[in-house]
Amino acid sequence: MSGANAPKLELDGRGLRVGIIASQWHEVIMTGLIEGAIRTCVRTGASHELIRVPGAFELPLGAQLAAKSEKFDALVALGVVIRGGTPHFDFVCDGATQGLTRVALDTLTPIGFGLLTVDNEDQAIDRAGLTDSSEDKGAEAAEAALAMALLAQGTFGLAGRGIPTGFR
């Protein structure tokens, strides 16, 4: 399982503001992803705001608008694309991934990548952070976004492990 070796991050997100950008397709799966991201924000003390966009392809523009609002220290992009019988899957996955990367680099806003790109609904459910799921990709994406926001502020606290503590 891809998440078996995910790091367990102990983060202090107090004072950080997180925008959770979430698509509206696949309601059950999205509910799990969103709840995982919110649990992480609450556990770390970060505030959060949920912003819904129509689908995965709209995640980059939603993230860009949120980043340009200057209301958030970090963003979490959540969505799911399930492979079908046409190349549509590839176009949506690539567009969303490349778009989110561009937004993060262009705006210097940390973005946790919580876009599930799976072959079937069972794979998505297994990663959605639901009661019977083996992974919680919403929580993992929020942790990544918070860790990068702390790194950007210089407060990540990993000095001595060969990891820079921030940028000035």
C-alpha atoms as a PDB file:
ATOM      1  CA  MET A   1       0.000   0.000   0.000  1.00  0.00           C
ATOM      2  CA  SER A   2       1.413   3.394  -0.971  1.00  0.00           C
ATOM      3  CA  GLY A   3       0.695   5.052   2.382  1.00  0.00           C
ATOM      4  CA  ALA A   4       2.276   2.340   4.513  1.00  0.00           C
ATOM      5  CA  ASN A   5       5.488   4.328   4.916  1.00  0.00           C
ATOM      6  CA  ALA A   6       3.917   7.781   5.256  1.00  0.00           C
ATOM      7  CA  PRO A   7       5.667   9.902   7.891  1.00  0.00           C
ATOM      8  CA  LYS A   8       3.845  10.630  11.128  1.00  0.00           C
ATOM      9  CA  LEU A   9       4.284  14.376  11.468  1.00  0.00           C
ATOM     10  CA  GLU A  10       3.823  16.121  14.801  1.00  0.00           C
ATOM     11  CA  LEU A  11       2.981  19.652  13.764  1.00  0.00           C
ATOM     12  CA  ASP A  12       1.986  22.783  15.609  1.00  0.00           C
ATOM     13  CA  GLY A  13      -0.334  24.611  13.259  1.00  0.00           C
ATOM     14  CA  ARG A  14      -1.508  27.260  15.715  1.00  0.00           C
ATOM     15  CA  GLY A  15      -1.882  30.554  13.911  1.00  0.00           C
ATOM     16  CA  LEU A  16      -1.874  28.975  10.453  1.00  0.00           C
ATOM     17  CA  ARG A  17      -4.826  29.438   8.118  1.00  0.00           C
ATOM     18  CA  VAL A  18      -5.622  26.583   5.744  1.00  0.00           C
ATOM     19  CA  GLY A  19      -7.901  26.703   2.717  1.00  0.00           C
ATOM     20  CA  ILE A  20      -9.332  23.293   1.818  1.00  0.00           C
ATOM     21  CA  ILE A  21     -10.207  23.284  -1.877  1.00  0.00           C
ATOM     22  CA  ALA A  22     -12.451  20.277  -2.583  1.00  0.00           C
ATOM     23  CA  SER A  23     -14.198  19.006  -5.681  1.00  0.00           C
ATOM     24  CA  GLN A  24     -17.850  17.978  -5.621  1.00  0.00           C
ATOM     25  CA  TRP A  25     -17.717  14.662  -7.546  1.00  0.00           C
ATOM     26  CA  HIS A  26     -17.950  11.357  -5.596  1.00  0.00           C
ATOM     27  CA  GLU A  27     -19.666  12.625  -2.471  1.00  0.00           C
ATOM     28  CA  VAL A  28     -18.864   9.734  -0.093  1.00  0.00           C
ATOM     29  CA  ILE A  29     -15.170   9.712  -0.989  1.00  0.00           C
ATOM     30  CA  MET A  30     -14.947  13.493  -0.840  1.00  0.00           C
ATOM     31  CA  THR A  31     -16.616  13.553   2.568  1.00  0.00           C
ATOM     32  CA  GLY A  32     -13.884  11.261   3.880  1.00  0.00           C
ATOM     33  CA  LEU A  33     -11.086  13.313   2.343  1.00  0.00           C
ATOM     34  CA  ILE A  34     -12.498  16.593   3.639  1.00  0.00           C
ATOM     35  CA  GLU A  35     -13.043  15.204   7.139  1.00  0.00           C
ATOM     36  CA  GLY A  36      -9.451  13.922   7.199  1.00  0.00           C
ATOM     37  CA  ALA A  37      -8.087  17.334   6.264  1.00  0.00           C
ATOM     38  CA  ILE A  38     -10.292  19.040   8.848  1.00  0.00           C
ATOM     39  CA  ARG A  39      -9.228  16.547  11.565  1.00  0.00           C
ATOM     40  CA  THR A  40      -5.603  17.393  10.830  1.00  0.00           C
ATOM     41  CA  CYS A  41      -6.269  21.120  11.047  1.00  0.00           C
ATOM     42  CA  VAL A  42      -8.104  20.713  14.338  1.00  0.00           C
ATOM     43  CA  ARG A  43      -5.446  18.353  15.778  1.00  0.00           C
ATOM     44  CA  THR A  44      -2.642  20.786  14.930  1.00  0.00           C
ATOM     45  CA  GLY A  45      -4.511  23.949  15.939  1.00  0.00           C
ATOM     46  CA  ALA A  46      -4.732  25.453  12.441  1.00  0.00           C
ATOM     47  CA  SER A  47      -7.859  27.271  11.349  1.00  0.00           C
ATOM     48  CA  HIS A  48      -9.527  26.121   8.148  1.00  0.00           C
ATOM     49  CA  GLU A  49     -12.053  27.154   5.542  1.00  0.00           C
ATOM     50  CA  LEU A  50     -13.710  24.827   3.034  1.00  0.00           C
ATOM     51  CA  ILE A  51     -13.991  26.005  -0.577  1.00  0.00           C
ATOM     52  CA  ARG A  52     -15.883  23.785  -3.044  1.00  0.00           C
ATOM     53  CA  VAL A  53     -15.183  23.630  -6.772  1.00  0.00           C
ATOM     54  CA  PRO A  54     -17.136  21.612  -9.362  1.00  0.00           C
ATOM     55  CA  GLY A  55     -14.537  18.943 -10.137  1.00  0.00           C
ATOM     56  CA  ALA A  56     -10.865  17.957 -10.135  1.00  0.00           C
ATOM     57  CA  PHE A  57     -10.087  19.978 -13.255  1.00  0.00           C
ATOM     58  CA  GLU A  58     -11.220  23.120 -11.417  1.00  0.00           C
ATOM     59  CA  LEU A  59      -8.903  22.560  -8.431  1.00  0.00           C
ATOM     60  CA  PRO A  60      -6.006  24.640  -9.856  1.00  0.00           C
ATOM     61  CA  LEU A  61      -8.113  27.735 -10.486  1.00  0.00           C
ATOM     62  CA  GLY A  62      -9.799  27.355  -7.104  1.00  0.00           C
ATOM     63  CA  ALA A  63      -6.359  27.104  -5.503  1.00  0.00           C
ATOM     64  CA  GLN A  64      -5.060  30.102  -7.432  1.00  0.00           C
ATOM     65  CA  LEU A  65      -8.011  32.265  -6.408  1.00  0.00           C
ATOM     66  CA  ALA A  66      -7.572  31.182  -2.784  1.00  0.00           C
ATOM     67  CA  ALA A  67      -3.821  31.852  -2.882  1.00  0.00           C
ATOM     68  CA  LYS A  68      -4.283  35.288  -4.411  1.00  0.00           C
ATOM     69  CA  SER A  69      -6.813  36.184  -1.707  1.00  0.00           C
ATOM     70  CA  GLU A  70      -3.900  36.147   0.772  1.00  0.00           C
ATOM     71  CA  LYS A  71      -6.246  34.676   3.394  1.00  0.00           C
ATOM     72  CA  PHE A  72      -4.344  31.388   3.690  1.00  0.00           C
ATOM     73  CA  ASP A  73      -0.900  30.201   4.721  1.00  0.00           C
ATOM     74  CA  ALA A  74      -1.461  26.837   3.031  1.00  0.00           C
ATOM     75  CA  LEU A  75      -3.963  25.103   0.794  1.00  0.00           C
ATOM     76  CA  VAL A  76      -5.137  21.510   0.563  1.00  0.00           C
ATOM     77  CA  ALA A  77      -6.429  20.357  -2.826  1.00  0.00           C
ATOM     78  CA  LEU A  78      -8.809  17.389  -2.590  1.00  0.00           C
ATOM     79  CA  GLY A  79     -10.473  15.483  -5.391  1.00  0.00           C
ATOM     80  CA  VAL A  80     -10.897  12.105  -6.989  1.00  0.00           C
ATOM     81  CA  VAL A  81     -10.688  10.956 -10.595  1.00  0.00           C
ATOM     82  CA  ILE A  82     -11.648   7.365 -11.351  1.00  0.00           C
ATOM     83  CA  ARG A  83     -10.351   5.816 -14.572  1.00  0.00           C
ATOM     84  CA  GLY A  84     -12.966   5.198 -17.226  1.00  0.00           C
ATOM     85  CA  GLY A  85     -12.812   3.838 -20.725  1.00  0.00           C
ATOM     86  CA  THR A  86     -11.589   7.018 -22.420  1.00  0.00           C
ATOM     87  CA  PRO A  87      -8.461   9.223 -22.263  1.00  0.00           C
ATOM     88  CA  HIS A  88     -10.480  11.802 -20.272  1.00  0.00           C
ATOM     89  CA  PHE A  89      -8.928  10.398 -17.072  1.00  0.00           C
ATOM     90  CA  ASP A  90      -5.409  11.204 -18.281  1.00  0.00           C
ATOM     91  CA  PHE A  91      -6.283  14.718 -19.372  1.00  0.00           C
ATOM     92  CA  VAL A  92      -8.038  15.610 -16.116  1.00  0.00           C
ATOM     93  CA  CYS A  93      -5.337  14.076 -13.911  1.00  0.00           C
ATOM     94  CA  ASP A  94      -2.515  15.735 -15.819  1.00  0.00           C
ATOM     95  CA  GLY A  95      -4.252  19.111 -16.016  1.00  0.00           C
ATOM     96  CA  ALA A  96      -5.076  19.162 -12.316  1.00  0.00           C
ATOM     97  CA  THR A  97      -1.611  17.989 -11.255  1.00  0.00           C
ATOM     98  CA  GLN A  98       0.289  20.384 -13.493  1.00  0.00           C
ATOM     99  CA  GLY A  99      -2.077  23.223 -12.604  1.00  0.00           C
ATOM    100  CA  LEU A 100      -1.678  22.736  -8.855  1.00  0.00           C
ATOM    101  CA  THR A 101       2.096  22.565  -9.222  1.00  0.00           C
ATOM    102  CA  ARG A 102       2.084  25.790 -11.185  1.00  0.00           C
ATOM    103  CA  VAL A 103      -0.105  27.560  -8.624  1.00  0.00           C
ATOM    104  CA  ALA A 104       2.157  26.474  -5.757  1.00  0.00           C
ATOM    105  CA  LEU A 105       5.311  27.626  -7.522  1.00  0.00           C
ATOM    106  CA  ASP A 106       3.867  30.828  -8.986  1.00  0.00           C
ATOM    107  CA  THR A 107       2.250  31.997  -5.737  1.00  0.00           C
ATOM    108  CA  LEU A 108       4.725  30.410  -3.274  1.00  0.00           C
ATOM    109  CA  THR A 109       1.746  28.927  -1.461  1.00  0.00           C
ATOM    110  CA  PRO A 110       2.147  25.429  -0.014  1.00  0.00           C
ATOM    111  CA  ILE A 111      -0.457  23.080  -1.491  1.00  0.00           C
ATOM    112  CA  GLY A 112      -1.100  19.625  -0.067  1.00  0.00           C
ATOM    113  CA  PHE A 113      -1.858  17.263  -2.948  1.00  0.00           C
ATOM    114  CA  GLY A 114      -4.927  15.202  -2.111  1.00  0.00           C
ATOM    115  CA  LEU A 115      -6.097  14.307  -5.597  1.00  0.00           C
ATOM    116  CA  LEU A 116      -6.847  10.597  -5.788  1.00  0.00           C
ATOM    117  CA  THR A 117      -6.192   9.192  -9.257  1.00  0.00           C
ATOM    118  CA  VAL A 118      -7.416   5.618  -9.121  1.00  0.00           C
ATOM    119  CA  ASP A 119      -8.528   2.759 -11.331  1.00  0.00           C
ATOM    120  CA  ASN A 120     -11.787   2.074  -9.495  1.00  0.00           C
ATOM    121  CA  GLU A 121     -14.066   3.248  -6.712  1.00  0.00           C
ATOM    122  CA  ASP A 122     -12.792   0.607  -4.247  1.00  0.00           C
ATOM    123  CA  GLN A 123      -9.269   2.051  -4.495  1.00  0.00           C
ATOM    124  CA  ALA A 124     -10.634   5.525  -3.791  1.00  0.00           C
ATOM    125  CA  ILE A 125     -12.665   4.367  -0.800  1.00  0.00           C
ATOM    126  CA  ASP A 126      -9.593   2.600   0.596  1.00  0.00           C
ATOM    127  CA  ARG A 127      -7.695   5.929   0.548  1.00  0.00           C
ATOM    128  CA  ALA A 128     -10.509   8.264   1.628  1.00  0.00           C
ATOM    129  CA  GLY A 129     -10.069   8.106   5.405  1.00  0.00           C
ATOM    130  CA  LEU A 130     -13.434   6.465   5.956  1.00  0.00           C
ATOM    131  CA  THR A 131     -14.053   4.057   8.846  1.00  0.00           C
ATOM    132  CA  ASP A 132     -12.958   1.008   6.830  1.00  0.00           C
ATOM    133  CA  SER A 133     -10.249   2.776   4.794  1.00  0.00           C
ATOM    134  CA  SER A 134      -6.623   1.752   5.166  1.00  0.00           C
ATOM    135  CA  GLU A 135      -5.362   5.251   4.335  1.00  0.00           C
ATOM    136  CA  ASP A 136      -6.383   8.853   4.967  1.00  0.00           C
ATOM    137  CA  LYS A 137      -5.110  10.893   2.044  1.00  0.00           C
ATOM    138  CA  GLY A 138      -7.067  13.976   3.151  1.00  0.00           C
ATOM    139  CA  ALA A 139      -5.174  14.004   6.446  1.00  0.00           C
ATOM    140  CA  GLU A 140      -1.861  13.325   4.697  1.00  0.00           C
ATOM    141  CA  ALA A 141      -2.394  16.193   2.255  1.00  0.00           C
ATOM    142  CA  ALA A 142      -3.224  18.583   5.107  1.00  0.00           C
ATOM    143  CA  GLU A 143      -0.119  17.479   7.021  1.00  0.00           C
ATOM    144  CA  ALA A 144       2.053  18.107   3.968  1.00  0.00           C
ATOM    145  CA  ALA A 145       0.565  21.570   3.434  1.00  0.00           C
ATOM    146  CA  LEU A 146       1.050  22.507   7.094  1.00  0.00           C
ATOM    147  CA  ALA A 147       4.603  21.163   7.161  1.00  0.00           C
ATOM    148  CA  MET A 148       5.511  23.262   4.122  1.00  0.00           C
ATOM    149  CA  ALA A 149       3.834  26.353   5.583  1.00  0.00           C
ATOM    150  CA  LEU A 150       5.894  25.907   8.744  1.00  0.00           C
ATOM    151  CA  LEU A 151       9.026  25.353   6.669  1.00  0.00           C
ATOM    152  CA  ALA A 152       8.348  28.573   4.770  1.00  0.00           C
ATOM    153  CA  GLN A 153       8.002  30.395   8.104  1.00  0.00           C
ATOM    154  CA  GLY A 154      11.188  28.842   9.441  1.00  0.00           C
ATOM    155  CA  THR A 155       9.472  27.057  12.345  1.00  0.00           C
ATOM    156  CA  PHE A 156       9.373  23.426  11.203  1.00  0.00           C
ATOM    157  CA  GLY A 157      11.936  22.466  13.839  1.00  0.00           C
ATOM    158  CA  LEU A 158      13.965  19.829  11.994  1.00  0.00           C
ATOM    159  CA  ALA A 159      17.393  21.330  12.619  1.00  0.00           C
ATOM    160  CA  GLY A 160      20.043  18.723  13.307  1.00  0.00           C
ATOM    161  CA  ARG A 161      18.542  16.190  10.892  1.00  0.00           C
ATOM    162  CA  GLY A 162      20.021  17.720   7.769  1.00  0.00           C
ATOM    163  CA  ILE A 163      16.718  19.392   6.884  1.00  0.00           C
ATOM    164  CA  PRO A 164      16.618  23.196   6.598  1.00  0.00           C
ATOM    165  CA  THR A 165      14.432  24.938   9.140  1.00  0.00           C
ATOM    166  CA  GLY A 166      13.180  27.619   6.815  1.00  0.00           C
ATOM    167  CA  PHE A 167      13.889  30.232   4.224  1.00  0.00           C
ATOM    168  CA  ARG A 168      14.513  33.912   4.716  1.00  0.00           C
END
